[in-house]
């Protein structure tokens, strides 16, 4: 591919980190003075031998090219190297080996707060980010009102951003990165923070940017968003590219990985590591068969459950759980909300670990691979406290010898409900 058609080129990229362990490699000032008194000529310095450094490759032997105008998704489990890749492309960190080249200007939306000066106001940070991206002040001023309107922080635009919530920071950062005329837009987990309305605006904006011929590199755990936005997906595992191709194929491979039960069980043993905030955090999401066993595959004729355990940290907030069921092409089949249950209306649940379990009836889903996204939110649905996109996945199979599937093959459509028919002569 000629360089005139390339937006990004990564060749043999690697990033190594050095980790130390085995205790401190220093001692106290009192210890050092004591040694100097005993041995006056001894250098002030450590006496505890430093532990041998260990190395960790966040990225290794990573190579790919992205042509201009292509929207590419980057997926993988936590720790796969996605954020490290984007930080190198954005110039936030340098690679240990290999090279990364960008043709044209690049706008980056990384972790919340990256690129912001916390003592400056929102207004000042808009101009600062524009300058970093190579935009003239007049160009930023021309788009300033549109940026602020998109972010929804107009009331606080002259407030130092150190007083912003994480959601406000994310909205402002995305508004700046997406509104300015950069050739390449790099986005890392933009859907992890913010309410449902903001997430919809982000997706719509990225779709618009993609149709303008700009290049997007989009990192997300939301497979529905990846499938909707991207024409190509790269799968990273332990710092290496293990798949690169059509979204449906790569997403399917990604979702088949996971735990000993396939990807039908996700659990977080420690509260501090779990998705969520000070109101609620997820503990576990499980797909279970009629006997309560983990079910990486369910029979189309049998009911099954999706079980969600979460830490209820502020019972007065009255948290609700929403499950979104998506097929392997990223389309949402349906959603369900536990706040519609009569049990939920009995009042706030106790503080601590609680459970919501949703039963999916038999003869509803069509054959194929499905994922479940989990949302822990306020009961009015206005604020998400925990979001785990594509938390679990499972296969729906028709194992019956006399079923519709075996007679006609896989049925068309996203659902395959068993409906009542009446047969007889026309009157």
Protein backbone atom coordinates (compact mmCIF):
# COMPACT_ATOMS: atom_id res chain seq x y z
CA UNK A 1 0.00 0.00 0.00
CA UNK A 2 1.43 3.41 -0.98
CA UNK A 3 2.04 5.88 1.84
CA UNK A 4 -0.47 8.30 0.27
CA UNK A 5 -3.24 5.86 1.21
CA UNK A 6 -1.98 5.00 4.70
CA UNK A 7 -3.18 6.67 7.89
CA UNK A 8 -1.34 4.45 10.42
CA UNK A 9 1.56 2.04 10.13
CA UNK A 10 2.79 -0.07 13.05
CA UNK A 11 5.90 -2.22 12.53
CA UNK A 12 7.31 -4.67 15.07
CA UNK A 13 5.97 -2.56 17.91
CA UNK A 14 6.86 -3.62 21.45
CA UNK A 15 6.57 -2.04 24.88
CA UNK A 16 8.39 -3.53 27.85
CA UNK A 17 7.92 -2.53 31.47
CA UNK A 18 10.28 -3.31 34.33
CA UNK A 19 8.71 -4.60 37.53
CA UNK A 20 10.49 -4.93 40.84
CA UNK A 21 9.61 -7.08 43.80
CA UNK A 22 11.02 -8.69 46.88
CA UNK A 23 10.97 -5.71 49.23
CA UNK A 24 12.49 -2.22 49.28
CA UNK A 25 15.82 -1.46 47.65
CA UNK A 26 16.54 1.32 50.15
CA UNK A 27 16.82 1.92 53.88
CA UNK A 28 16.11 4.86 56.18
CA UNK A 29 18.21 7.98 56.73
CA UNK A 30 18.85 6.87 60.33
CA UNK A 31 20.28 3.57 59.08
CA UNK A 32 22.57 5.37 56.64
CA UNK A 33 23.85 7.81 59.31
CA UNK A 34 24.45 4.90 61.68
CA UNK A 35 26.59 3.15 59.10
CA UNK A 36 28.56 6.33 58.46
CA UNK A 37 29.34 6.67 62.18
CA UNK A 38 30.59 3.09 62.33
CA UNK A 39 32.47 3.24 59.02
CA UNK A 40 33.18 6.91 58.15
CA UNK A 41 34.39 6.20 54.63
CA UNK A 42 31.37 4.11 53.69
CA UNK A 43 29.16 5.67 51.05
CA UNK A 44 25.66 6.67 52.03
CA UNK A 45 23.61 4.17 50.10
CA UNK A 46 21.40 1.11 50.23
CA UNK A 47 22.47 -1.98 52.10
CA UNK A 48 19.42 -4.03 51.21
CA UNK A 49 20.18 -5.63 47.85
CA UNK A 50 17.79 -4.61 45.15
CA UNK A 51 15.52 -7.33 43.85
CA UNK A 52 16.33 -8.46 40.35
CA UNK A 53 14.10 -6.57 37.91
CA UNK A 54 11.38 -8.51 36.15
CA UNK A 55 10.17 -7.54 32.72
CA UNK A 56 6.69 -7.50 31.27
CA UNK A 57 5.84 -7.02 27.61
CA UNK A 58 2.59 -5.09 27.29
CA UNK A 59 3.02 -5.25 23.49
CA UNK A 60 5.24 -7.53 21.42
CA UNK A 61 5.85 -7.91 17.65
CA UNK A 62 2.76 -5.90 16.74
CA UNK A 63 2.45 -4.91 13.08
CA UNK A 64 -0.45 -3.64 10.98
CA UNK A 65 -1.49 -0.87 8.59
CA UNK A 66 -4.69 1.17 8.51
CA UNK A 67 -5.70 2.87 5.23
CA UNK A 68 -7.22 6.32 5.26
CA UNK A 69 -10.92 6.45 6.06
CA UNK A 70 -11.11 3.02 7.72
CA UNK A 71 -12.78 2.52 11.12
CA UNK A 72 -10.87 -0.19 13.00
CA UNK A 73 -11.88 -1.74 16.32
CA UNK A 74 -9.30 -3.06 18.77
CA UNK A 75 -10.60 -5.65 21.24
CA UNK A 76 -9.18 -7.94 23.88
CA UNK A 77 -9.38 -8.78 27.56
CA UNK A 78 -8.05 -6.42 30.21
CA UNK A 79 -4.25 -6.37 30.05
CA UNK A 80 -4.14 -7.41 26.38
CA UNK A 81 -2.23 -4.26 25.40
CA UNK A 82 -5.01 -2.15 23.85
CA UNK A 83 -4.46 1.00 25.89
CA UNK A 84 -0.67 0.70 25.57
CA UNK A 85 -1.01 0.61 21.78
CA UNK A 86 -3.14 3.74 21.75
CA UNK A 87 -0.80 5.59 24.13
CA UNK A 88 2.14 4.90 21.81
CA UNK A 89 0.18 6.11 18.78
CA UNK A 90 -0.84 9.26 20.68
CA UNK A 91 2.74 9.93 21.78
CA UNK A 92 1.95 9.56 25.47
CA UNK A 93 4.57 6.83 25.85
CA UNK A 94 7.46 5.62 23.72
CA UNK A 95 7.90 2.07 22.40
CA UNK A 96 10.71 -0.20 23.55
CA UNK A 97 11.14 -1.54 20.03
CA UNK A 98 9.62 -1.10 16.61
CA UNK A 99 7.94 1.98 15.22
CA UNK A 100 4.55 3.62 14.87
CA UNK A 101 3.89 6.24 12.19
CA UNK A 102 0.85 8.47 11.70
CA UNK A 103 0.20 10.41 8.50
CA UNK A 104 -1.63 13.64 9.30
CA UNK A 105 -2.93 15.04 12.58
CA UNK A 106 -4.11 12.76 15.37
CA UNK A 107 -6.71 13.36 18.07
CA UNK A 108 -6.70 11.01 21.05
CA UNK A 109 -9.26 10.29 23.74
CA UNK A 110 -7.56 8.04 26.29
CA UNK A 111 -8.24 7.60 30.02
CA UNK A 112 -10.39 10.18 31.76
CA UNK A 113 -8.30 13.30 32.37
CA UNK A 114 -5.47 12.51 29.96
CA UNK A 115 -4.36 15.73 28.27
CA UNK A 116 -6.19 18.01 30.72
CA UNK A 117 -4.59 20.55 33.03
CA UNK A 118 -6.60 20.17 36.22
CA UNK A 119 -6.05 23.75 37.38
CA UNK A 120 -7.39 25.25 34.15
CA UNK A 121 -11.06 25.77 33.36
CA UNK A 122 -13.04 23.81 30.81
CA UNK A 123 -12.81 26.72 28.38
CA UNK A 124 -9.03 26.94 28.75
CA UNK A 125 -8.63 23.18 28.33
CA UNK A 126 -10.58 23.26 25.07
CA UNK A 127 -8.08 25.73 23.64
CA UNK A 128 -5.15 23.84 25.18
CA UNK A 129 -6.24 20.55 23.61
CA UNK A 130 -6.80 22.27 20.29
CA UNK A 131 -3.28 23.69 20.37
CA UNK A 132 -1.84 20.26 21.22
CA UNK A 133 -3.65 18.86 18.18
CA UNK A 134 -2.10 21.55 15.98
CA UNK A 135 -5.22 23.69 15.61
CA UNK A 136 -5.03 27.47 15.43
CA UNK A 137 -6.85 29.47 18.08
CA UNK A 138 -9.26 30.86 15.49
CA UNK A 139 -10.17 27.33 14.35
CA UNK A 140 -10.91 26.26 17.92
CA UNK A 141 -12.92 29.43 18.56
CA UNK A 142 -15.03 28.71 15.46
CA UNK A 143 -16.05 25.33 16.88
CA UNK A 144 -16.09 26.27 20.56
CA UNK A 145 -19.85 26.66 20.97
CA UNK A 146 -20.48 23.34 19.21
CA UNK A 147 -17.92 21.59 21.44
CA UNK A 148 -19.49 22.94 24.62
CA UNK A 149 -23.02 22.15 23.44
CA UNK A 150 -22.06 18.56 22.65
CA UNK A 151 -20.35 18.08 26.01
CA UNK A 152 -23.29 19.52 27.96
CA UNK A 153 -21.04 21.31 30.45
CA UNK A 154 -21.99 24.88 29.43
CA UNK A 155 -22.87 25.85 33.02
CA UNK A 156 -19.43 24.81 34.22
CA UNK A 157 -17.26 25.79 31.27
CA UNK A 158 -15.45 28.44 33.34
CA UNK A 159 -14.94 26.13 36.34
CA UNK A 160 -11.55 24.43 36.86
CA UNK A 161 -11.81 20.87 35.57
CA UNK A 162 -10.42 19.51 38.85
CA UNK A 163 -13.98 19.99 40.13
CA UNK A 164 -15.54 18.00 37.25
CA UNK A 165 -16.87 14.49 37.69
CA UNK A 166 -15.34 11.72 35.58
CA UNK A 167 -18.40 11.81 33.33
CA UNK A 168 -18.04 15.55 32.72
CA UNK A 169 -14.34 15.12 31.91
CA UNK A 170 -15.12 12.35 29.45
CA UNK A 171 -17.86 14.36 27.73
CA UNK A 172 -15.60 17.37 27.30
CA UNK A 173 -12.63 15.29 26.13
CA UNK A 174 -14.73 13.45 23.54
CA UNK A 175 -16.33 16.68 22.33
CA UNK A 176 -12.91 18.23 21.70
CA UNK A 177 -11.35 15.16 20.08
CA UNK A 178 -14.31 14.45 17.78
CA UNK A 179 -15.17 18.01 16.76
CA UNK A 180 -11.68 19.13 15.72
CA UNK A 181 -10.54 18.32 12.19
CA UNK A 182 -7.93 15.67 12.90
CA UNK A 183 -7.10 13.10 10.24
CA UNK A 184 -6.98 10.24 12.73
CA UNK A 185 -9.14 9.81 15.84
CA UNK A 186 -8.02 7.36 18.53
CA UNK A 187 -10.69 6.50 21.12
CA UNK A 188 -10.19 4.34 24.23
CA UNK A 189 -13.30 3.11 26.06
CA UNK A 190 -15.43 6.19 25.48
CA UNK A 191 -18.53 4.23 26.50
CA UNK A 192 -17.18 3.22 29.92
CA UNK A 193 -18.23 6.50 31.56
CA UNK A 194 -21.42 8.48 31.22
CA UNK A 195 -25.12 7.93 30.92
CA UNK A 196 -27.00 6.18 28.15
CA UNK A 197 -27.86 9.42 26.33
CA UNK A 198 -24.21 10.46 26.16
CA UNK A 199 -23.20 7.01 24.91
CA UNK A 200 -25.72 7.28 22.09
CA UNK A 201 -24.38 10.73 21.17
CA UNK A 202 -20.83 9.35 21.10
CA UNK A 203 -21.77 6.49 18.79
CA UNK A 204 -23.69 8.80 16.48
CA UNK A 205 -20.78 11.23 16.39
CA UNK A 206 -18.26 8.49 15.58
CA UNK A 207 -20.52 7.21 12.82
CA UNK A 208 -20.61 10.73 11.41
CA UNK A 209 -16.83 11.08 11.66
CA UNK A 210 -16.40 7.74 9.89
CA UNK A 211 -18.57 8.84 6.97
CA UNK A 212 -16.38 11.96 6.56
CA UNK A 213 -13.45 9.81 5.46
CA UNK A 214 -11.48 10.20 8.68
CA UNK A 215 -9.63 7.26 10.22
CA UNK A 216 -10.77 5.92 13.60
CA UNK A 217 -9.06 3.45 15.92
CA UNK A 218 -11.70 2.42 18.45
CA UNK A 219 -10.94 0.41 21.60
CA UNK A 220 -13.96 -0.94 23.45
CA UNK A 221 -15.34 -3.89 25.38
CA UNK A 222 -18.77 -3.18 23.87
CA UNK A 223 -18.97 -5.68 21.03
CA UNK A 224 -22.28 -4.27 19.80
CA UNK A 225 -20.68 -0.85 19.34
CA UNK A 226 -17.61 -2.40 17.69
CA UNK A 227 -19.71 -4.35 15.22
CA UNK A 228 -21.86 -1.32 14.48
CA UNK A 229 -19.02 1.14 13.87
CA UNK A 230 -16.11 -0.86 12.51
CA UNK A 231 -15.38 -2.42 9.14
CA UNK A 232 -12.37 -4.26 10.57
CA UNK A 233 -11.41 -5.55 14.04
CA UNK A 234 -8.00 -6.42 15.54
CA UNK A 235 -7.90 -8.84 18.47
CA UNK A 236 -5.04 -8.53 20.96
CA UNK A 237 -4.08 -11.20 23.47
CA UNK A 238 -1.15 -10.78 25.87
CA UNK A 239 0.31 -8.00 23.77
CA UNK A 240 0.15 -9.78 20.40
CA UNK A 241 -2.26 -9.67 17.48
CA UNK A 242 -4.08 -13.00 17.28
CA UNK A 243 -6.79 -12.04 14.77
CA UNK A 244 -7.37 -9.27 12.24
CA UNK A 245 -10.36 -9.26 9.93
CA UNK A 246 -14.12 -8.91 9.58
CA UNK A 247 -15.94 -7.79 12.76
CA UNK A 248 -18.29 -10.79 12.94
CA UNK A 249 -15.43 -13.30 12.68
CA UNK A 250 -13.04 -11.58 15.11
CA UNK A 251 -15.75 -10.77 17.66
CA UNK A 252 -16.92 -14.38 17.54
CA UNK A 253 -13.37 -15.59 18.25
CA UNK A 254 -12.95 -13.08 21.08
CA UNK A 255 -16.18 -14.08 22.76
CA UNK A 256 -15.30 -17.79 22.65
CA UNK A 257 -12.37 -17.17 25.01
CA UNK A 258 -12.60 -16.62 28.76
CA UNK A 259 -13.02 -18.83 31.77
CA UNK A 260 -13.12 -22.59 32.23
CA UNK A 261 -16.83 -22.39 31.39
CA UNK A 262 -16.17 -20.62 28.11
CA UNK A 263 -17.31 -17.03 28.45
CA UNK A 264 -20.58 -17.86 30.21
CA UNK A 265 -19.28 -16.85 33.67
CA UNK A 266 -17.59 -13.61 34.74
CA UNK A 267 -16.65 -13.06 38.37
CA UNK A 268 -14.78 -10.38 40.28
CA UNK A 269 -13.42 -11.68 43.58
CA UNK A 270 -12.37 -8.32 45.01
CA UNK A 271 -14.66 -5.33 45.43
CA UNK A 272 -11.97 -2.83 44.44
CA UNK A 273 -11.35 -4.62 41.11
CA UNK A 274 -15.01 -4.89 40.11
CA UNK A 275 -16.76 -2.58 37.62
CA UNK A 276 -18.71 0.13 39.38
CA UNK A 277 -18.45 3.02 41.83
CA UNK A 278 -19.31 3.97 45.40
CA UNK A 279 -23.00 3.18 44.87
CA UNK A 280 -22.73 -0.33 43.44
CA UNK A 281 -20.27 -2.77 41.90
CA UNK A 282 -20.71 -5.98 39.95
CA UNK A 283 -19.62 -9.22 41.58
CA UNK A 284 -20.62 -11.92 39.07
CA UNK A 285 -22.57 -12.55 35.88
CA UNK A 286 -23.50 -16.12 35.01
CA UNK A 287 -25.46 -17.95 32.31
CA UNK A 288 -27.00 -21.02 33.98
CA UNK A 289 -29.01 -23.96 32.67
CA UNK A 290 -32.18 -25.30 34.27
CA UNK A 291 -30.08 -27.17 36.85
CA UNK A 292 -28.08 -24.11 37.86
CA UNK A 293 -24.90 -25.15 36.03
CA UNK A 294 -22.75 -22.78 33.94
CA UNK A 295 -24.05 -22.96 30.38
CA UNK A 296 -21.71 -21.98 27.55
CA UNK A 297 -24.39 -23.54 25.34
CA UNK A 298 -28.16 -23.58 25.90
CA UNK A 299 -30.78 -25.72 24.22
CA UNK A 300 -33.27 -23.70 22.23
CA UNK A 301 -36.14 -25.69 23.83
CA UNK A 302 -35.14 -25.13 27.45
CA UNK A 303 -35.40 -22.12 29.71
CA UNK A 304 -32.23 -20.75 31.28
CA UNK A 305 -31.17 -17.95 33.62
CA UNK A 306 -28.82 -15.01 33.59
CA UNK A 307 -27.78 -14.33 37.16
CA UNK A 308 -26.21 -11.06 38.33
CA UNK A 309 -24.61 -10.65 41.77
CA UNK A 310 -23.64 -7.14 42.82
CA UNK A 311 -22.53 -5.22 45.87
CA UNK A 312 -25.30 -2.88 46.97
CA UNK A 313 -23.31 -0.14 48.71
CA UNK A 314 -25.99 2.53 49.13
CA UNK A 315 -29.42 0.87 49.46
CA UNK A 316 -31.27 4.19 49.41
CA UNK A 317 -30.19 4.70 45.80
CA UNK A 318 -32.39 1.75 44.75
CA UNK A 319 -30.17 0.22 42.10
CA UNK A 320 -31.66 -1.63 39.14
CA UNK A 321 -30.16 -4.17 36.74
CA UNK A 322 -30.66 -4.12 32.98
CA UNK A 323 -29.58 -6.96 30.70
CA UNK A 324 -29.10 -6.39 26.97
CA UNK A 325 -28.97 -9.46 24.71
CA UNK A 326 -26.99 -9.00 21.49
CA UNK A 327 -26.22 -11.32 18.58
CA UNK A 328 -22.72 -11.80 17.14
CA UNK A 329 -23.30 -9.04 14.59
CA UNK A 330 -23.79 -6.52 17.38
CA UNK A 331 -27.57 -6.10 17.10
CA UNK A 332 -29.58 -5.86 20.29
CA UNK A 333 -32.31 -8.51 20.31
CA UNK A 334 -34.03 -7.28 23.46
CA UNK A 335 -33.41 -5.86 26.93
CA UNK A 336 -34.91 -6.68 30.31
CA UNK A 337 -35.03 -4.71 33.58
CA UNK A 338 -35.34 -6.14 37.09
CA UNK A 339 -37.13 -2.98 38.31
CA UNK A 340 -40.23 -4.22 36.45
CA UNK A 341 -40.44 -7.19 38.83
CA UNK A 342 -42.95 -7.08 41.71
CA UNK A 343 -40.09 -8.08 44.03
CA UNK A 344 -38.26 -4.85 43.23
CA UNK A 345 -41.28 -2.75 44.27
CA UNK A 346 -41.21 -4.15 47.79
CA UNK A 347 -38.53 -1.62 48.72
CA UNK A 348 -34.76 -1.12 48.82
CA UNK A 349 -32.67 -4.24 49.13
CA UNK A 350 -30.31 -4.68 52.03
CA UNK A 351 -26.76 -3.42 51.92
CA UNK A 352 -24.18 -5.97 50.83
CA UNK A 353 -24.11 -8.69 48.20
CA UNK A 354 -27.46 -9.15 46.43
CA UNK A 355 -28.69 -11.02 43.39
CA UNK A 356 -30.97 -10.46 40.42
CA UNK A 357 -31.80 -13.45 38.23
CA UNK A 358 -33.62 -13.25 34.91
CA UNK A 359 -35.28 -16.32 33.37
CA UNK A 360 -35.27 -16.55 29.57
CA UNK A 361 -38.12 -18.75 28.36
CA UNK A 362 -37.69 -21.70 26.05
CA UNK A 363 -38.35 -21.41 22.31
CA UNK A 364 -37.52 -17.72 22.04
CA UNK A 365 -33.98 -17.28 20.73
CA UNK A 366 -32.67 -18.25 17.33
CA UNK A 367 -29.55 -20.36 16.96
CA UNK A 368 -26.26 -18.54 17.12
CA UNK A 369 -23.80 -16.81 19.41
CA UNK A 370 -25.18 -14.27 21.88
CA UNK A 371 -23.65 -11.86 24.38
CA UNK A 372 -25.14 -10.19 27.42
CA UNK A 373 -24.26 -6.66 28.49
CA UNK A 374 -24.99 -5.69 32.10
CA UNK A 375 -25.92 -2.26 33.39
CA UNK A 376 -26.21 -1.37 37.08
CA UNK A 377 -28.04 1.93 37.23
CA UNK A 378 -30.37 4.20 39.14
CA UNK A 379 -33.94 2.99 38.94
CA UNK A 380 -34.92 5.81 36.56
CA UNK A 381 -32.09 4.77 34.24
CA UNK A 382 -30.50 8.23 34.26
CA UNK A 383 -27.10 7.26 35.65
CA UNK A 384 -25.01 4.13 35.17
CA UNK A 385 -23.00 3.01 38.19
CA UNK A 386 -21.49 -0.08 36.56
CA UNK A 387 -21.37 -1.11 32.91
CA UNK A 388 -19.92 -4.38 31.64
CA UNK A 389 -20.45 -4.63 27.91
CA UNK A 390 -20.56 -8.22 26.61
CA UNK A 391 -20.02 -9.49 30.13
CA UNK A 392 -20.82 -13.08 29.17
CA UNK A 393 -21.51 -14.99 25.98
CA UNK A 394 -23.17 -18.26 25.13
CA UNK A 395 -24.33 -20.30 22.15
CA UNK A 396 -27.95 -21.18 21.39
CA UNK A 397 -28.25 -24.57 19.72
CA UNK A 398 -31.08 -26.69 18.37
CA UNK A 399 -30.33 -30.21 19.59
CA UNK A 400 -33.74 -31.75 18.96
CA UNK A 401 -34.13 -34.36 16.22
CA UNK A 402 -37.67 -33.22 15.43
CA UNK A 403 -37.24 -29.46 15.77
CA UNK A 404 -37.79 -26.69 13.27
CA UNK A 405 -34.06 -26.21 12.99
CA UNK A 406 -33.48 -29.78 11.87
CA UNK A 407 -36.28 -29.56 9.29
CA UNK A 408 -35.44 -26.26 7.65
CA UNK A 409 -31.92 -25.47 8.83
CA UNK A 410 -31.25 -22.27 10.69
CA UNK A 411 -34.34 -20.04 10.61
CA UNK A 412 -34.16 -16.51 9.34
CA UNK A 413 -34.48 -13.69 11.85
CA UNK A 414 -32.90 -12.76 15.14
CA UNK A 415 -35.51 -14.57 17.25
CA UNK A 416 -37.29 -17.89 16.79
CA UNK A 417 -40.32 -17.89 19.09
CA UNK A 418 -42.65 -20.86 19.15
CA UNK A 419 -45.98 -19.23 18.33
CA UNK A 420 -49.48 -20.65 18.41
CA UNK A 421 -51.04 -21.53 15.08
CA UNK A 422 -54.61 -22.66 14.35
CA UNK A 423 -55.25 -24.81 11.29
CA UNK A 424 -58.56 -25.56 9.63
CA UNK A 425 -60.83 -24.85 6.70
CA UNK A 426 -61.42 -21.24 5.73
CA UNK A 427 -64.89 -20.00 6.58
